[in-house]
PDB file of N, CA and C in Angstrom:
ATOM      1  N   MET A   1       2.471  -6.014  34.212  1.00  0.00           N
ATOM      2  CA  MET A   1       1.156  -6.230  33.558  1.00  0.00           C
ATOM      3  C   MET A   1       1.346  -7.081  32.375  1.00  0.00           C
ATOM      4  N   GLY A   2       0.510  -8.103  32.347  1.00  0.00           N
ATOM      5  CA  GLY A   2       0.601  -9.070  31.092  1.00  0.00           C
ATOM      6  C   GLY A   2      -0.333  -8.544  29.827  1.00  0.00           C
ATOM      7  N   LEU A   3      -0.006  -9.181  28.690  1.00  0.00           N
ATOM      8  CA  LEU A   3      -0.797  -8.920  27.626  1.00  0.00           C
ATOM      9  C   LEU A   3      -2.153  -9.332  27.733  1.00  0.00           C
ATOM     10  N   LYS A   4      -3.011  -8.660  27.152  1.00  0.00           N
ATOM     11  CA  LYS A   4      -4.397  -8.991  26.990  1.00  0.00           C
ATOM     12  C   LYS A   4      -4.807  -9.229  25.541  1.00  0.00           C
ATOM     13  N   TRP A   5      -6.049  -9.855  25.241  1.00  0.00           N
ATOM     14  CA  TRP A   5      -6.433 -10.221  23.932  1.00  0.00           C
ATOM     15  C   TRP A   5      -6.396  -8.821  23.013  1.00  0.00           C
ATOM     16  N   THR A   6      -6.792  -7.749  23.814  1.00  0.00           N
ATOM     17  CA  THR A   6      -6.967  -6.541  22.968  1.00  0.00           C
ATOM     18  C   THR A   6      -5.658  -6.015  22.586  1.00  0.00           C
ATOM     19  N   ASP A   7      -4.374  -6.565  22.958  1.00  0.00           N
ATOM     20  CA  ASP A   7      -3.249  -6.033  22.722  1.00  0.00           C
ATOM     21  C   ASP A   7      -2.639  -6.706  21.371  1.00  0.00           C
ATOM     22  N   THR A   8      -3.449  -6.388  20.430  1.00  0.00           N
ATOM     23  CA  THR A   8      -3.126  -7.271  19.208  1.00  0.00           C
ATOM     24  C   THR A   8      -1.779  -7.077  18.534  1.00  0.00           C
ATOM     25  N   ARG A   9      -1.362  -5.816  18.513  1.00  0.00           N
ATOM     26  CA  ARG A   9       0.036  -5.406  17.894  1.00  0.00           C
ATOM     27  C   ARG A   9       1.033  -6.228  18.670  1.00  0.00           C
ATOM     28  N   GLU A  10       1.092  -5.992  19.980  1.00  0.00           N
ATOM     29  CA  GLU A  10       2.149  -6.543  20.836  1.00  0.00           C
ATOM     30  C   GLU A  10       2.116  -8.140  20.717  1.00  0.00           C
ATOM     31  N   ILE A  11       1.048  -8.800  20.695  1.00  0.00           N
ATOM     32  CA  ILE A  11       0.610 -10.245  20.497  1.00  0.00           C
ATOM     33  C   ILE A  11       1.302 -10.565  19.214  1.00  0.00           C
ATOM     34  N   ALA A  12       0.989  -9.823  18.193  1.00  0.00           N
ATOM     35  CA  ALA A  12       1.591 -10.251  16.834  1.00  0.00           C
ATOM     36  C   ALA A  12       3.192 -10.029  16.811  1.00  0.00           C
ATOM     37  N   ILE A  13       3.600  -9.027  17.431  1.00  0.00           N
ATOM     38  CA  ILE A  13       4.939  -8.993  17.412  1.00  0.00           C
ATOM     39  C   ILE A  13       5.897 -10.193  18.156  1.00  0.00           C
ATOM     40  N   GLU A  14       5.214 -10.495  19.228  1.00  0.00           N
ATOM     41  CA  GLU A  14       5.710 -11.715  19.982  1.00  0.00           C
ATOM     42  C   GLU A  14       5.566 -13.095  19.204  1.00  0.00           C
ATOM     43  N   LEU A  15       4.238 -13.170  18.514  1.00  0.00           N
ATOM     44  CA  LEU A  15       4.291 -14.465  17.632  1.00  0.00           C
ATOM     45  C   LEU A  15       5.153 -14.366  16.484  1.00  0.00           C
ATOM     46  N   SER A  16       5.346 -13.178  15.846  1.00  0.00           N
ATOM     47  CA  SER A  16       6.230 -13.260  14.806  1.00  0.00           C
ATOM     48  C   SER A  16       7.848 -13.564  15.109  1.00  0.00           C
ATOM     49  N   GLU A  17       7.897 -13.409  16.484  1.00  0.00           N
ATOM     50  CA  GLU A  17       9.340 -13.737  17.081  1.00  0.00           C
ATOM     51  C   GLU A  17       9.454 -15.069  17.527  1.00  0.00           C
ATOM     52  N   GLN A  18       8.294 -15.584  17.869  1.00  0.00           N
ATOM     53  CA  GLN A  18       8.534 -17.176  18.272  1.00  0.00           C
ATOM     54  C   GLN A  18       8.302 -17.946  17.134  1.00  0.00           C
ATOM     55  N   HIS A  19       7.741 -17.586  16.084  1.00  0.00           N
ATOM     56  CA  HIS A  19       7.205 -18.417  14.869  1.00  0.00           C
ATOM     57  C   HIS A  19       7.728 -17.569  13.567  1.00  0.00           C
ATOM     58  N   PRO A  20       9.024 -17.103  13.285  1.00  0.00           N
ATOM     59  CA  PRO A  20       9.517 -16.445  12.317  1.00  0.00           C
ATOM     60  C   PRO A  20       9.245 -16.975  10.961  1.00  0.00           C
ATOM     61  N   ASP A  21       9.174 -18.365  10.995  1.00  0.00           N
ATOM     62  CA  ASP A  21       9.022 -19.073   9.611  1.00  0.00           C
ATOM     63  C   ASP A  21       7.524 -19.481   9.199  1.00  0.00           C
ATOM     64  N   VAL A  22       6.673 -19.076  10.131  1.00  0.00           N
ATOM     65  CA  VAL A  22       5.237 -19.478   9.879  1.00  0.00           C
ATOM     66  C   VAL A  22       4.528 -18.295   9.097  1.00  0.00           C
ATOM     67  N   ASN A  23       3.731 -18.646   8.049  1.00  0.00           N
ATOM     68  CA  ASN A  23       2.803 -17.834   7.484  1.00  0.00           C
ATOM     69  C   ASN A  23       1.769 -17.705   8.306  1.00  0.00           C
ATOM     70  N   PRO A  24       1.347 -16.537   8.733  1.00  0.00           N
ATOM     71  CA  PRO A  24       0.350 -16.374   9.785  1.00  0.00           C
ATOM     72  C   PRO A  24      -1.138 -16.613   9.185  1.00  0.00           C
ATOM     73  N   MET A  25      -1.310 -16.563   7.822  1.00  0.00           N
ATOM     74  CA  MET A  25      -2.638 -17.012   7.012  1.00  0.00           C
ATOM     75  C   MET A  25      -2.673 -18.289   7.067  1.00  0.00           C
ATOM     76  N   SER A  26      -1.618 -19.073   7.406  1.00  0.00           N
ATOM     77  CA  SER A  26      -1.923 -20.673   7.493  1.00  0.00           C
ATOM     78  C   SER A  26      -1.911 -21.149   8.653  1.00  0.00           C
ATOM     79  N   VAL A  27      -2.242 -20.300   9.726  1.00  0.00           N
ATOM     80  CA  VAL A  27      -2.397 -20.759  11.107  1.00  0.00           C
ATOM     81  C   VAL A  27      -3.954 -20.824  11.148  1.00  0.00           C
ATOM     82  N   ARG A  28      -4.479 -22.057  11.768  1.00  0.00           N
ATOM     83  CA  ARG A  28      -6.010 -22.156  12.260  1.00  0.00           C
ATOM     84  C   ARG A  28      -5.955 -21.564  13.315  1.00  0.00           C
ATOM     85  N   PHE A  29      -7.287 -20.907  13.613  1.00  0.00           N
ATOM     86  CA  PHE A  29      -7.694 -20.048  14.842  1.00  0.00           C
ATOM     87  C   PHE A  29      -7.449 -20.941  16.022  1.00  0.00           C
ATOM     88  N   THR A  30      -7.735 -22.099  16.084  1.00  0.00           N
ATOM     89  CA  THR A  30      -7.456 -22.880  17.354  1.00  0.00           C
ATOM     90  C   THR A  30      -6.035 -23.046  17.667  1.00  0.00           C
ATOM     91  N   ASP A  31      -5.237 -23.029  16.626  1.00  0.00           N
ATOM     92  CA  ASP A  31      -3.909 -23.116  17.031  1.00  0.00           C
ATOM     93  C   ASP A  31      -3.287 -21.606  17.459  1.00  0.00           C
ATOM     94  N   LEU A  32      -3.870 -20.580  16.678  1.00  0.00           N
ATOM     95  CA  LEU A  32      -3.338 -19.288  16.967  1.00  0.00           C
ATOM     96  C   LEU A  32      -3.913 -19.050  18.566  1.00  0.00           C
ATOM     97  N   HIS A  33      -5.112 -19.569  18.946  1.00  0.00           N
ATOM     98  CA  HIS A  33      -5.542 -19.298  20.286  1.00  0.00           C
ATOM     99  C   HIS A  33      -4.510 -19.927  21.285  1.00  0.00           C
ATOM    100  N   ARG A  34      -4.248 -21.049  20.821  1.00  0.00           N
ATOM    101  CA  ARG A  34      -3.355 -22.043  21.838  1.00  0.00           C
ATOM    102  C   ARG A  34      -2.024 -21.180  21.951  1.00  0.00           C
ATOM    103  N   TRP A  35      -1.275 -20.634  20.790  1.00  0.00           N
ATOM    104  CA  TRP A  35      -0.084 -20.019  20.772  1.00  0.00           C
ATOM    105  C   TRP A  35      -0.256 -18.563  21.603  1.00  0.00           C
ATOM    106  N   VAL A  36      -1.260 -18.051  21.360  1.00  0.00           N
ATOM    107  CA  VAL A  36      -1.431 -16.730  22.296  1.00  0.00           C
ATOM    108  C   VAL A  36      -1.438 -17.001  23.729  1.00  0.00           C
ATOM    109  N   MET A  37      -2.091 -18.027  24.091  1.00  0.00           N
ATOM    110  CA  MET A  37      -2.301 -18.521  25.456  1.00  0.00           C
ATOM    111  C   MET A  37      -0.910 -19.086  26.118  1.00  0.00           C
ATOM    112  N   GLY A  38       0.005 -19.517  25.193  1.00  0.00           N
ATOM    113  CA  GLY A  38       1.302 -19.861  25.672  1.00  0.00           C
ATOM    114  C   GLY A  38       2.296 -18.903  25.663  1.00  0.00           C
ATOM    115  N   LEU A  39       2.086 -17.592  25.153  1.00  0.00           N
ATOM    116  CA  LEU A  39       3.041 -16.570  25.257  1.00  0.00           C
ATOM    117  C   LEU A  39       3.338 -16.263  26.856  1.00  0.00           C
ATOM    118  N   PRO A  40       4.757 -16.161  27.085  1.00  0.00           N
ATOM    119  CA  PRO A  40       5.180 -15.815  28.423  1.00  0.00           C
ATOM    120  C   PRO A  40       4.734 -14.626  29.032  1.00  0.00           C
ATOM    121  N   ASP A  41       4.301 -13.554  28.121  1.00  0.00           N
ATOM    122  CA  ASP A  41       3.574 -12.407  28.938  1.00  0.00           C
ATOM    123  C   ASP A  41       2.316 -12.285  28.689  1.00  0.00           C
ATOM    124  N   PHE A  42       1.593 -13.234  28.409  1.00  0.00           N
ATOM    125  CA  PHE A  42       0.062 -13.207  28.219  1.00  0.00           C
ATOM    126  C   PHE A  42      -0.555 -13.584  29.452  1.00  0.00           C
ATOM    127  N   ASP A  43      -1.620 -12.630  29.785  1.00  0.00           N
ATOM    128  CA  ASP A  43      -2.162 -12.843  31.094  1.00  0.00           C
ATOM    129  C   ASP A  43      -3.789 -12.282  30.857  1.00  0.00           C
ATOM    130  N   ASP A  44      -4.609 -13.272  30.261  1.00  0.00           N
ATOM    131  CA  ASP A  44      -6.026 -13.107  30.090  1.00  0.00           C
ATOM    132  C   ASP A  44      -6.703 -14.315  29.966  1.00  0.00           C
ATOM    133  N   LYS A  45      -7.885 -14.259  30.146  1.00  0.00           N
ATOM    134  CA  LYS A  45      -8.820 -15.534  30.179  1.00  0.00           C
ATOM    135  C   LYS A  45      -9.143 -16.115  28.758  1.00  0.00           C
ATOM    136  N   PRO A  46      -9.132 -17.255  28.611  1.00  0.00           N
ATOM    137  CA  PRO A  46      -9.118 -17.974  27.241  1.00  0.00           C
ATOM    138  C   PRO A  46     -10.556 -17.421  26.712  1.00  0.00           C
ATOM    139  N   GLU A  47     -11.566 -17.436  27.622  1.00  0.00           N
ATOM    140  CA  GLU A  47     -12.887 -17.121  26.989  1.00  0.00           C
ATOM    141  C   GLU A  47     -13.199 -15.719  26.527  1.00  0.00           C
ATOM    142  N   HIS A  48     -12.013 -14.849  26.889  1.00  0.00           N
ATOM    143  CA  HIS A  48     -12.236 -13.421  26.315  1.00  0.00           C
ATOM    144  C   HIS A  48     -11.882 -13.135  24.898  1.00  0.00           C
ATOM    145  N   SER A  49     -11.421 -14.209  24.283  1.00  0.00           N
ATOM    146  CA  SER A  49     -11.242 -14.083  22.661  1.00  0.00           C
ATOM    147  C   SER A  49     -12.425 -14.550  21.949  1.00  0.00           C
ATOM    148  N   GLY A  50     -12.326 -14.197  20.964  1.00  0.00           N
ATOM    149  CA  GLY A  50     -13.189 -14.602  19.892  1.00  0.00           C
ATOM    150  C   GLY A  50     -12.737 -14.457  18.586  1.00  0.00           C
ATOM    151  N   GLU A  51     -13.674 -14.735  17.527  1.00  0.00           N
ATOM    152  CA  GLU A  51     -13.073 -14.862  16.052  1.00  0.00           C
ATOM    153  C   GLU A  51     -12.712 -13.423  15.684  1.00  0.00           C
ATOM    154  N   LYS A  52     -13.248 -12.416  15.952  1.00  0.00           N
ATOM    155  CA  LYS A  52     -12.839 -11.199  15.524  1.00  0.00           C
ATOM    156  C   LYS A  52     -11.473 -10.741  16.221  1.00  0.00           C
ATOM    157  N   ILE A  53     -11.268 -11.063  17.394  1.00  0.00           N
ATOM    158  CA  ILE A  53     -10.035 -10.668  18.094  1.00  0.00           C
ATOM    159  C   ILE A  53      -8.874 -11.638  17.349  1.00  0.00           C
ATOM    160  N   LEU A  54      -9.180 -12.972  17.342  1.00  0.00           N
ATOM    161  CA  LEU A  54      -8.087 -13.618  16.465  1.00  0.00           C
ATOM    162  C   LEU A  54      -7.826 -13.420  14.994  1.00  0.00           C
ATOM    163  N   GLU A  55      -8.810 -12.816  14.454  1.00  0.00           N
ATOM    164  CA  GLU A  55      -8.758 -12.122  13.049  1.00  0.00           C
ATOM    165  C   GLU A  55      -7.826 -11.018  13.092  1.00  0.00           C
ATOM    166  N   ALA A  56      -8.035 -10.178  14.157  1.00  0.00           N
ATOM    167  CA  ALA A  56      -7.267  -8.854  14.205  1.00  0.00           C
ATOM    168  C   ALA A  56      -5.713  -9.209  14.734  1.00  0.00           C
ATOM    169  N   ILE A  57      -5.542 -10.279  15.494  1.00  0.00           N
ATOM    170  CA  ILE A  57      -4.270 -10.683  15.633  1.00  0.00           C
ATOM    171  C   ILE A  57      -3.478 -11.149  14.541  1.00  0.00           C
ATOM    172  N   GLN A  58      -4.301 -12.048  13.734  1.00  0.00           N
ATOM    173  CA  GLN A  58      -3.735 -12.667  12.638  1.00  0.00           C
ATOM    174  C   GLN A  58      -3.264 -11.420  11.476  1.00  0.00           C
ATOM    175  N   MET A  59      -4.037 -10.384  11.285  1.00  0.00           N
ATOM    176  CA  MET A  59      -3.924  -9.354  10.563  1.00  0.00           C
ATOM    177  C   MET A  59      -2.750  -8.534  10.939  1.00  0.00           C
ATOM    178  N   ALA A  60      -2.664  -8.389  12.122  1.00  0.00           N
ATOM    179  CA  ALA A  60      -1.558  -7.567  12.656  1.00  0.00           C
ATOM    180  C   ALA A  60      -0.226  -8.315  12.566  1.00  0.00           C
ATOM    181  N   TRP A  61      -0.307  -9.908  12.856  1.00  0.00           N
ATOM    182  CA  TRP A  61       1.055 -10.643  12.603  1.00  0.00           C
ATOM    183  C   TRP A  61       1.261 -10.609  11.246  1.00  0.00           C
ATOM    184  N   MET A  62       0.140 -10.538  10.064  1.00  0.00           N
ATOM    185  CA  MET A  62       0.751 -10.475   8.747  1.00  0.00           C
ATOM    186  C   MET A  62       1.588  -9.155   8.571  1.00  0.00           C
ATOM    187  N   GLU A  63       1.091  -8.140   8.988  1.00  0.00           N
ATOM    188  CA  GLU A  63       1.883  -6.907   8.804  1.00  0.00           C
ATOM    189  C   GLU A  63       3.241  -7.114   9.354  1.00  0.00           C
ATOM    190  N   GLU A  64       3.149  -7.671  10.283  1.00  0.00           N
ATOM    191  CA  GLU A  64       4.779  -7.743  11.081  1.00  0.00           C
ATOM    192  C   GLU A  64       5.690  -8.945  10.124  1.00  0.00           C
ATOM    193  N   HIS A  65       4.941  -9.718   9.699  1.00  0.00           N
ATOM    194  CA  HIS A  65       5.509 -10.799   8.884  1.00  0.00           C
ATOM    195  C   HIS A  65       6.046 -10.170   7.542  1.00  0.00           C
ATOM    196  N   GLY A  66       5.308  -9.227   7.120  1.00  0.00           N
ATOM    197  CA  GLY A  66       5.670  -8.581   5.813  1.00  0.00           C
ATOM    198  C   GLY A  66       6.711  -7.759   5.942  1.00  0.00           C
ATOM    199  N   ASP A  67       6.953  -7.125   7.086  1.00  0.00           N
ATOM    200  CA  ASP A  67       8.146  -6.190   7.192  1.00  0.00           C
ATOM    201  C   ASP A  67       9.440  -6.828   7.135  1.00  0.00           C
TER     202      ASP A  67
END
């Protein structure tokens, strides 16, 4: 079973592993959307995301990034 947009914590972990040197707050939502869609385990429709979901992913990624 693949990742869905609502799996914000798991998505954040994968993003932090794939882009370890990127400050999550510097990523535009358009790029963030593209990066999430490109994750190997991701399996959801592009239109199921929105600003609130992308924001939640970005915040979770920030928490991962800070650790």
